[in-house]
Amino acid sequence: MIRIFQYECKRLLWNKFFFGILLILLFYGWQVLNGVTILGVSHTAPFSPWSFGDYLSRMIPLLWIGALFFLTFFTSQKAQRVTILTNATPVPIKQYTFARCAAAFAGTGLLCLACLIEAAVFYGQYFGWYRWGQLLFPALITFIPPLIFALGSGWLLGKYKSWLIYLWMLIPFLCMTLPLPNAFGIWNGSFFKEYPLSIETMDPSFTLPITVIIVQCILVILGIVLLVLDPRFLKKMAVK
């Protein structure tokens, strides 16, 4: 099991795609930090949870694409042909599936970590600010739900039809163009810009409306459910 995980991690991380998306992510992140975050969002400090959350929300589309590209290593037609051989091995199929999903999670986690490290370097270099405990919760609530949902939904769609993953990569960009309800504001970044202005204090402390918390929790649950759902379920639904 551990060897399978190590092999899949090596296959995902030691390739041109991973280093390419990492460079794009860091370049874009640095542009956001120097062009937007440094000015502060909605009259808050650049290192406030609101400005930091705005930075994170701007990184989600690229992280979403990165997470789904990791899944293409396992859901492409070439990978499906290899699966026929792995199914003939004595190792249970569920262990292969778990190891591959864990490798995709690890790769996505490393991309997220790169975004956080870049922000830490930025805050330390420009402001000498290192109180990262204040930003831990915004990072968790912004990154984890949509990316777990991306991996879960992408895994199911890719197993059903491999080309659907590439269409699914466009979802974050579509969300950014739509007037989403406030509960979905983290998806397009509007929450971090608009909600602080609704609080009648300067540089307010970070709080989340209950509707936002519910939506983020639902995304986590949906992502996990879709991850363990049998792709044959979709095929049966399509036949009906």
C-alpha atoms as a PDB file:
ATOM      1  CA  MET A   1       0.000   0.000   0.000  1.00  0.00           C
ATOM      2  CA  ILE A   2       2.724   2.476   0.990  1.00  0.00           C
ATOM      3  CA  ARG A   3       4.803   1.477  -2.024  1.00  0.00           C
ATOM      4  CA  ILE A   4       1.852   2.092  -4.329  1.00  0.00           C
ATOM      5  CA  PHE A   5       1.342   5.526  -2.772  1.00  0.00           C
ATOM      6  CA  GLN A   6       5.043   6.364  -3.141  1.00  0.00           C
ATOM      7  CA  TYR A   7       5.036   5.232  -6.773  1.00  0.00           C
ATOM      8  CA  GLU A   8       1.937   7.288  -7.617  1.00  0.00           C
ATOM      9  CA  CYS A   9       3.361  10.353  -5.850  1.00  0.00           C
ATOM     10  CA  LYS A  10       6.575  10.044  -7.821  1.00  0.00           C
ATOM     11  CA  ARG A  11       4.598   9.712 -11.040  1.00  0.00           C
ATOM     12  CA  LEU A  12       2.499  12.790 -10.253  1.00  0.00           C
ATOM     13  CA  LEU A  13       5.151  15.068  -8.819  1.00  0.00           C
ATOM     14  CA  TRP A  14       8.263  14.207 -10.787  1.00  0.00           C
ATOM     15  CA  ASN A  15       7.075  15.421 -14.185  1.00  0.00           C
ATOM     16  CA  LYS A  16       6.982  18.580 -16.282  1.00  0.00           C
ATOM     17  CA  PHE A  17       3.338  19.283 -15.546  1.00  0.00           C
ATOM     18  CA  PHE A  18       3.810  19.591 -11.799  1.00  0.00           C
ATOM     19  CA  PHE A  19       6.749  21.966 -12.113  1.00  0.00           C
ATOM     20  CA  GLY A  20       4.936  23.906 -14.833  1.00  0.00           C
ATOM     21  CA  ILE A  21       1.759  24.468 -12.806  1.00  0.00           C
ATOM     22  CA  LEU A  22       3.888  25.265  -9.749  1.00  0.00           C
ATOM     23  CA  LEU A  23       5.771  27.999 -11.614  1.00  0.00           C
ATOM     24  CA  ILE A  24       2.552  29.443 -13.039  1.00  0.00           C
ATOM     25  CA  LEU A  25       0.954  29.362  -9.599  1.00  0.00           C
ATOM     26  CA  LEU A  26       3.884  31.131  -7.941  1.00  0.00           C
ATOM     27  CA  PHE A  27       4.163  33.731 -10.690  1.00  0.00           C
ATOM     28  CA  TYR A  28       0.459  34.548 -10.611  1.00  0.00           C
ATOM     29  CA  GLY A  29       0.401  34.535  -6.810  1.00  0.00           C
ATOM     30  CA  TRP A  30       3.268  37.000  -6.623  1.00  0.00           C
ATOM     31  CA  GLN A  31       1.465  39.305  -9.057  1.00  0.00           C
ATOM     32  CA  VAL A  32      -1.670  39.186  -6.896  1.00  0.00           C
ATOM     33  CA  LEU A  33       0.278  39.837  -3.706  1.00  0.00           C
ATOM     34  CA  ASN A  34       2.168  42.787  -5.181  1.00  0.00           C
ATOM     35  CA  GLY A  35      -0.718  44.242  -7.179  1.00  0.00           C
ATOM     36  CA  VAL A  36      -3.796  43.628  -5.000  1.00  0.00           C
ATOM     37  CA  THR A  37      -3.023  42.247  -1.568  1.00  0.00           C
ATOM     38  CA  ILE A  38      -0.395  44.871  -0.760  1.00  0.00           C
ATOM     39  CA  LEU A  39      -3.088  47.570  -0.995  1.00  0.00           C
ATOM     40  CA  GLY A  40      -5.445  45.771   1.366  1.00  0.00           C
ATOM     41  CA  VAL A  41      -8.981  44.653   0.539  1.00  0.00           C
ATOM     42  CA  SER A  42     -12.071  46.619   1.567  1.00  0.00           C
ATOM     43  CA  HIS A  43     -10.122  49.056   3.768  1.00  0.00           C
ATOM     44  CA  THR A  44      -8.402  46.254   5.707  1.00  0.00           C
ATOM     45  CA  ALA A  45      -4.694  45.693   6.284  1.00  0.00           C
ATOM     46  CA  PRO A  46      -2.748  43.700   3.656  1.00  0.00           C
ATOM     47  CA  PHE A  47      -2.056  40.995   6.253  1.00  0.00           C
ATOM     48  CA  SER A  48      -5.628  40.891   7.571  1.00  0.00           C
ATOM     49  CA  PRO A  49      -7.610  37.642   7.146  1.00  0.00           C
ATOM     50  CA  TRP A  50      -9.812  39.465   4.623  1.00  0.00           C
ATOM     51  CA  SER A  51      -6.962  40.487   2.313  1.00  0.00           C
ATOM     52  CA  PHE A  52      -5.332  37.098   2.777  1.00  0.00           C
ATOM     53  CA  GLY A  53      -8.620  35.347   1.975  1.00  0.00           C
ATOM     54  CA  ASP A  54      -8.964  37.427  -1.179  1.00  0.00           C
ATOM     55  CA  TYR A  55      -5.506  36.243  -2.242  1.00  0.00           C
ATOM     56  CA  LEU A  56      -6.449  32.617  -1.557  1.00  0.00           C
ATOM     57  CA  SER A  57      -9.720  32.864  -3.460  1.00  0.00           C
ATOM     58  CA  ARG A  58      -7.844  34.194  -6.484  1.00  0.00           C
ATOM     59  CA  MET A  59      -5.580  31.137  -6.360  1.00  0.00           C
ATOM     60  CA  ILE A  60      -8.424  28.598  -6.241  1.00  0.00           C
ATOM     61  CA  PRO A  61      -9.021  28.421 -10.037  1.00  0.00           C
ATOM     62  CA  LEU A  62      -5.390  27.439 -10.699  1.00  0.00           C
ATOM     63  CA  LEU A  63      -5.377  25.016  -7.770  1.00  0.00           C
ATOM     64  CA  TRP A  64      -8.642  23.523  -9.049  1.00  0.00           C
ATOM     65  CA  ILE A  65      -7.043  22.958 -12.464  1.00  0.00           C
ATOM     66  CA  GLY A  66      -3.945  21.465 -10.845  1.00  0.00           C
ATOM     67  CA  ALA A  67      -6.010  19.044  -8.746  1.00  0.00           C
ATOM     68  CA  LEU A  68      -8.007  17.879 -11.764  1.00  0.00           C
ATOM     69  CA  PHE A  69      -4.881  17.491 -13.898  1.00  0.00           C
ATOM     70  CA  PHE A  70      -3.496  15.159 -11.232  1.00  0.00           C
ATOM     71  CA  LEU A  71      -6.600  13.013 -11.685  1.00  0.00           C
ATOM     72  CA  THR A  72      -6.059  12.747 -15.444  1.00  0.00           C
ATOM     73  CA  PHE A  73      -3.055  10.539 -14.674  1.00  0.00           C
ATOM     74  CA  PHE A  74      -5.553   7.966 -13.378  1.00  0.00           C
ATOM     75  CA  THR A  75      -8.646   8.542 -15.504  1.00  0.00           C
ATOM     76  CA  SER A  76      -7.249   8.988 -19.032  1.00  0.00           C
ATOM     77  CA  GLN A  77      -7.846   6.284 -21.609  1.00  0.00           C
ATOM     78  CA  LYS A  78      -4.217   5.197 -21.313  1.00  0.00           C
ATOM     79  CA  ALA A  79      -4.573   4.905 -17.539  1.00  0.00           C
ATOM     80  CA  GLN A  80      -7.799   2.939 -17.978  1.00  0.00           C
ATOM     81  CA  ARG A  81      -5.933   0.373 -20.094  1.00  0.00           C
ATOM     82  CA  VAL A  82      -3.279   0.039 -17.403  1.00  0.00           C
ATOM     83  CA  THR A  83      -6.044  -0.450 -14.837  1.00  0.00           C
ATOM     84  CA  ILE A  84      -6.984  -3.691 -16.556  1.00  0.00           C
ATOM     85  CA  LEU A  85      -3.528  -5.031 -15.684  1.00  0.00           C
ATOM     86  CA  THR A  86      -3.568  -3.755 -12.110  1.00  0.00           C
ATOM     87  CA  ASN A  87      -6.957  -5.348 -11.559  1.00  0.00           C
ATOM     88  CA  ALA A  88      -5.353  -8.703 -12.262  1.00  0.00           C
ATOM     89  CA  THR A  89      -2.853  -8.296  -9.411  1.00  0.00           C
ATOM     90  CA  PRO A  90      -3.517  -9.729  -5.940  1.00  0.00           C
ATOM     91  CA  VAL A  91      -3.677  -6.204  -4.442  1.00  0.00           C
ATOM     92  CA  PRO A  92      -7.339  -5.189  -3.814  1.00  0.00           C
ATOM     93  CA  ILE A  93      -8.675  -2.602  -6.231  1.00  0.00           C
ATOM     94  CA  LYS A  94      -9.796  -0.390  -3.334  1.00  0.00           C
ATOM     95  CA  GLN A  95      -6.192  -0.119  -2.153  1.00  0.00           C
ATOM     96  CA  TYR A  96      -5.096   1.055  -5.599  1.00  0.00           C
ATOM     97  CA  THR A  97      -7.922   3.587  -5.630  1.00  0.00           C
ATOM     98  CA  PHE A  98      -7.128   4.842  -2.143  1.00  0.00           C
ATOM     99  CA  ALA A  99      -3.404   5.157  -2.932  1.00  0.00           C
ATOM    100  CA  ARG A 100      -4.089   7.101  -6.111  1.00  0.00           C
ATOM    101  CA  CYS A 101      -6.555   9.450  -4.428  1.00  0.00           C
ATOM    102  CA  ALA A 102      -4.087   9.966  -1.581  1.00  0.00           C
ATOM    103  CA  ALA A 103      -1.368  10.830  -4.116  1.00  0.00           C
ATOM    104  CA  ALA A 104      -3.674  13.370  -5.798  1.00  0.00           C
ATOM    105  CA  PHE A 105      -4.448  14.876  -2.376  1.00  0.00           C
ATOM    106  CA  ALA A 106      -0.725  15.052  -1.611  1.00  0.00           C
ATOM    107  CA  GLY A 107       0.037  16.807  -4.886  1.00  0.00           C
ATOM    108  CA  THR A 108      -2.775  19.303  -4.377  1.00  0.00           C
ATOM    109  CA  GLY A 109      -1.633  19.868  -0.804  1.00  0.00           C
ATOM    110  CA  LEU A 110       1.866  20.712  -1.998  1.00  0.00           C
ATOM    111  CA  LEU A 111       0.489  23.296  -4.418  1.00  0.00           C
ATOM    112  CA  CYS A 112      -1.535  24.840  -1.583  1.00  0.00           C
ATOM    113  CA  LEU A 113       1.529  24.834   0.633  1.00  0.00           C
ATOM    114  CA  ALA A 114       3.479  26.660  -2.071  1.00  0.00           C
ATOM    115  CA  CYS A 115       0.807  29.402  -2.095  1.00  0.00           C
ATOM    116  CA  LEU A 116       1.001  29.747   1.685  1.00  0.00           C
ATOM    117  CA  ILE A 117       4.806  29.835   1.748  1.00  0.00           C
ATOM    118  CA  GLU A 118       4.811  32.494  -0.954  1.00  0.00           C
ATOM    119  CA  ALA A 119       2.412  34.623   1.094  1.00  0.00           C
ATOM    120  CA  ALA A 120       4.584  34.110   4.181  1.00  0.00           C
ATOM    121  CA  VAL A 121       7.646  35.320   2.286  1.00  0.00           C
ATOM    122  CA  PHE A 122       5.696  38.325   1.007  1.00  0.00           C
ATOM    123  CA  TYR A 123       4.384  39.343   4.434  1.00  0.00           C
ATOM    124  CA  GLY A 124       7.777  38.866   6.040  1.00  0.00           C
ATOM    125  CA  GLN A 125       9.653  40.749   3.342  1.00  0.00           C
ATOM    126  CA  TYR A 126       7.334  43.763   3.047  1.00  0.00           C
ATOM    127  CA  PHE A 127       5.822  44.084   6.512  1.00  0.00           C
ATOM    128  CA  GLY A 128       7.950  42.005   8.875  1.00  0.00           C
ATOM    129  CA  TRP A 129       4.693  40.265   9.851  1.00  0.00           C
ATOM    130  CA  TYR A 130       4.743  36.636  11.027  1.00  0.00           C
ATOM    131  CA  ARG A 131       1.565  36.099  13.107  1.00  0.00           C
ATOM    132  CA  TRP A 132       0.325  33.208  10.998  1.00  0.00           C
ATOM    133  CA  GLY A 133      -1.980  31.822  13.652  1.00  0.00           C
ATOM    134  CA  GLN A 134      -4.516  34.502  12.693  1.00  0.00           C
ATOM    135  CA  LEU A 135      -4.584  33.305   9.082  1.00  0.00           C
ATOM    136  CA  LEU A 136      -4.826  29.556   9.652  1.00  0.00           C
ATOM    137  CA  PHE A 137      -8.631  29.418   9.782  1.00  0.00           C
ATOM    138  CA  PRO A 138      -9.159  31.543   6.614  1.00  0.00           C
ATOM    139  CA  ALA A 139      -6.688  29.278   4.798  1.00  0.00           C
ATOM    140  CA  LEU A 140      -8.459  26.088   5.877  1.00  0.00           C
ATOM    141  CA  ILE A 141     -11.982  27.331   5.165  1.00  0.00           C
ATOM    142  CA  THR A 142     -10.996  28.764   1.771  1.00  0.00           C
ATOM    143  CA  PHE A 143      -8.798  25.993   0.374  1.00  0.00           C
ATOM    144  CA  ILE A 144     -10.023  22.678   1.771  1.00  0.00           C
ATOM    145  CA  PRO A 145     -13.762  22.561   0.835  1.00  0.00           C
ATOM    146  CA  PRO A 146     -13.516  23.490  -2.875  1.00  0.00           C
ATOM    147  CA  LEU A 147     -10.431  21.340  -3.477  1.00  0.00           C
ATOM    148  CA  ILE A 148     -11.910  18.260  -1.783  1.00  0.00           C
ATOM    149  CA  PHE A 149     -15.003  18.816  -3.908  1.00  0.00           C
ATOM    150  CA  ALA A 150     -12.801  19.202  -7.004  1.00  0.00           C
ATOM    151  CA  LEU A 151     -11.027  15.910  -6.354  1.00  0.00           C
ATOM    152  CA  GLY A 152     -14.208  14.016  -5.485  1.00  0.00           C
ATOM    153  CA  SER A 153     -16.290  15.268  -8.388  1.00  0.00           C
ATOM    154  CA  GLY A 154     -13.357  15.096 -10.798  1.00  0.00           C
ATOM    155  CA  TRP A 155     -12.592  11.505  -9.839  1.00  0.00           C
ATOM    156  CA  LEU A 156     -16.184  10.410 -10.459  1.00  0.00           C
ATOM    157  CA  LEU A 157     -16.544  12.335 -13.734  1.00  0.00           C
ATOM    158  CA  GLY A 158     -13.166  11.140 -14.988  1.00  0.00           C
ATOM    159  CA  LYS A 159     -14.007   7.515 -14.299  1.00  0.00           C
ATOM    160  CA  TYR A 160     -17.297   7.965 -16.139  1.00  0.00           C
ATOM    161  CA  LYS A 161     -15.912   9.888 -19.143  1.00  0.00           C
ATOM    162  CA  SER A 162     -12.278  11.006 -19.070  1.00  0.00           C
ATOM    163  CA  TRP A 163     -12.896  14.123 -21.188  1.00  0.00           C
ATOM    164  CA  LEU A 164     -15.386  15.514 -18.668  1.00  0.00           C
ATOM    165  CA  ILE A 165     -12.501  16.449 -16.367  1.00  0.00           C
ATOM    166  CA  TYR A 166     -11.280  19.033 -18.871  1.00  0.00           C
ATOM    167  CA  LEU A 167     -14.721  20.658 -19.023  1.00  0.00           C
ATOM    168  CA  TRP A 168     -14.922  20.587 -15.226  1.00  0.00           C
ATOM    169  CA  MET A 169     -11.745  22.674 -15.078  1.00  0.00           C
ATOM    170  CA  LEU A 170     -13.746  25.661 -16.325  1.00  0.00           C
ATOM    171  CA  ILE A 171     -16.144  25.715 -13.356  1.00  0.00           C
ATOM    172  CA  PRO A 172     -14.166  28.208 -11.168  1.00  0.00           C
ATOM    173  CA  PHE A 173     -13.850  30.640 -14.061  1.00  0.00           C
ATOM    174  CA  LEU A 174     -17.582  30.340 -14.725  1.00  0.00           C
ATOM    175  CA  CYS A 175     -18.287  31.053 -11.061  1.00  0.00           C
ATOM    176  CA  MET A 176     -16.168  34.189 -11.228  1.00  0.00           C
ATOM    177  CA  THR A 177     -18.403  35.601 -13.964  1.00  0.00           C
ATOM    178  CA  LEU A 178     -21.720  34.783 -12.263  1.00  0.00           C
ATOM    179  CA  PRO A 179     -23.517  36.840  -9.582  1.00  0.00           C
ATOM    180  CA  LEU A 180     -23.412  34.074  -6.986  1.00  0.00           C
ATOM    181  CA  PRO A 181     -25.395  34.278  -3.714  1.00  0.00           C
ATOM    182  CA  ASN A 182     -23.465  35.516  -0.689  1.00  0.00           C
ATOM    183  CA  ALA A 183     -23.242  31.976   0.673  1.00  0.00           C
ATOM    184  CA  PHE A 184     -21.076  31.051  -2.345  1.00  0.00           C
ATOM    185  CA  GLY A 185     -19.002  34.234  -2.208  1.00  0.00           C
ATOM    186  CA  ILE A 186     -15.770  32.394  -1.394  1.00  0.00           C
ATOM    187  CA  TRP A 187     -15.933  30.760  -4.822  1.00  0.00           C
ATOM    188  CA  ASN A 188     -15.585  34.008  -6.719  1.00  0.00           C
ATOM    189  CA  GLY A 189     -13.869  36.070  -4.010  1.00  0.00           C
ATOM    190  CA  SER A 190     -16.778  38.468  -3.548  1.00  0.00           C
ATOM    191  CA  PHE A 191     -17.184  37.430   0.101  1.00  0.00           C
ATOM    192  CA  PHE A 192     -13.798  38.838   1.123  1.00  0.00           C
ATOM    193  CA  LYS A 193     -14.483  42.125  -0.670  1.00  0.00           C
ATOM    194  CA  GLU A 194     -18.099  42.726   0.299  1.00  0.00           C
ATOM    195  CA  TYR A 195     -18.669  41.206   3.727  1.00  0.00           C
ATOM    196  CA  PRO A 196     -16.093  43.379   5.613  1.00  0.00           C
ATOM    197  CA  LEU A 197     -17.873  46.467   4.289  1.00  0.00           C
ATOM    198  CA  SER A 198     -21.127  45.276   5.839  1.00  0.00           C
ATOM    199  CA  ILE A 199     -19.520  45.253   9.303  1.00  0.00           C
ATOM    200  CA  GLU A 200     -19.630  48.714  10.843  1.00  0.00           C
ATOM    201  CA  THR A 201     -16.061  48.725  12.167  1.00  0.00           C
ATOM    202  CA  MET A 202     -12.697  49.501  10.639  1.00  0.00           C
ATOM    203  CA  ASP A 203     -10.585  46.421   9.879  1.00  0.00           C
ATOM    204  CA  PRO A 204     -13.126  44.006  11.467  1.00  0.00           C
ATOM    205  CA  SER A 205     -12.122  40.649  12.906  1.00  0.00           C
ATOM    206  CA  PHE A 206     -12.637  37.635  10.678  1.00  0.00           C
ATOM    207  CA  THR A 207     -16.086  36.087  10.985  1.00  0.00           C
ATOM    208  CA  LEU A 208     -18.151  33.799   8.769  1.00  0.00           C
ATOM    209  CA  PRO A 209     -21.933  33.882   8.348  1.00  0.00           C
ATOM    210  CA  ILE A 210     -23.600  30.576   9.133  1.00  0.00           C
ATOM    211  CA  THR A 211     -24.704  30.211   5.511  1.00  0.00           C
ATOM    212  CA  VAL A 212     -21.096  30.297   4.307  1.00  0.00           C
ATOM    213  CA  ILE A 213     -20.055  27.708   6.893  1.00  0.00           C
ATOM    214  CA  ILE A 214     -22.929  25.424   5.845  1.00  0.00           C
ATOM    215  CA  VAL A 215     -22.007  25.684   2.150  1.00  0.00           C
ATOM    216  CA  GLN A 216     -18.342  24.914   2.843  1.00  0.00           C
ATOM    217  CA  CYS A 217     -19.279  21.907   4.998  1.00  0.00           C
ATOM    218  CA  ILE A 218     -21.611  20.629   2.269  1.00  0.00           C
ATOM    219  CA  LEU A 219     -18.779  20.879  -0.264  1.00  0.00           C
ATOM    220  CA  VAL A 220     -16.522  18.748   1.939  1.00  0.00           C
ATOM    221  CA  ILE A 221     -19.233  16.119   2.450  1.00  0.00           C
ATOM    222  CA  LEU A 222     -20.125  16.060  -1.247  1.00  0.00           C
ATOM    223  CA  GLY A 223     -16.481  15.720  -2.231  1.00  0.00           C
ATOM    224  CA  ILE A 224     -15.981  12.722   0.055  1.00  0.00           C
ATOM    225  CA  VAL A 225     -19.239  11.071  -1.070  1.00  0.00           C
ATOM    226  CA  LEU A 226     -18.405  11.532  -4.759  1.00  0.00           C
ATOM    227  CA  LEU A 227     -14.925  10.161  -4.163  1.00  0.00           C
ATOM    228  CA  VAL A 228     -16.246   6.855  -2.844  1.00  0.00           C
ATOM    229  CA  LEU A 229     -19.236   6.667  -5.200  1.00  0.00           C
ATOM    230  CA  ASP A 230     -19.047   3.913  -7.806  1.00  0.00           C
ATOM    231  CA  PRO A 231     -18.737   5.417 -11.339  1.00  0.00           C
ATOM    232  CA  ARG A 232     -21.113   2.697 -12.554  1.00  0.00           C
ATOM    233  CA  PHE A 233     -23.845   4.616 -10.720  1.00  0.00           C
ATOM    234  CA  LEU A 234     -23.572   7.438 -13.253  1.00  0.00           C
ATOM    235  CA  LYS A 235     -23.685   4.969 -16.125  1.00  0.00           C
ATOM    236  CA  LYS A 236     -26.857   3.431 -14.744  1.00  0.00           C
ATOM    237  CA  MET A 237     -28.398   6.874 -14.347  1.00  0.00           C
ATOM    238  CA  ALA A 238     -27.416   7.755 -17.930  1.00  0.00           C
ATOM    239  CA  VAL A 239     -29.054   4.582 -19.234  1.00  0.00           C
ATOM    240  CA  LYS A 240     -32.290   5.408 -17.426  1.00  0.00           C
END
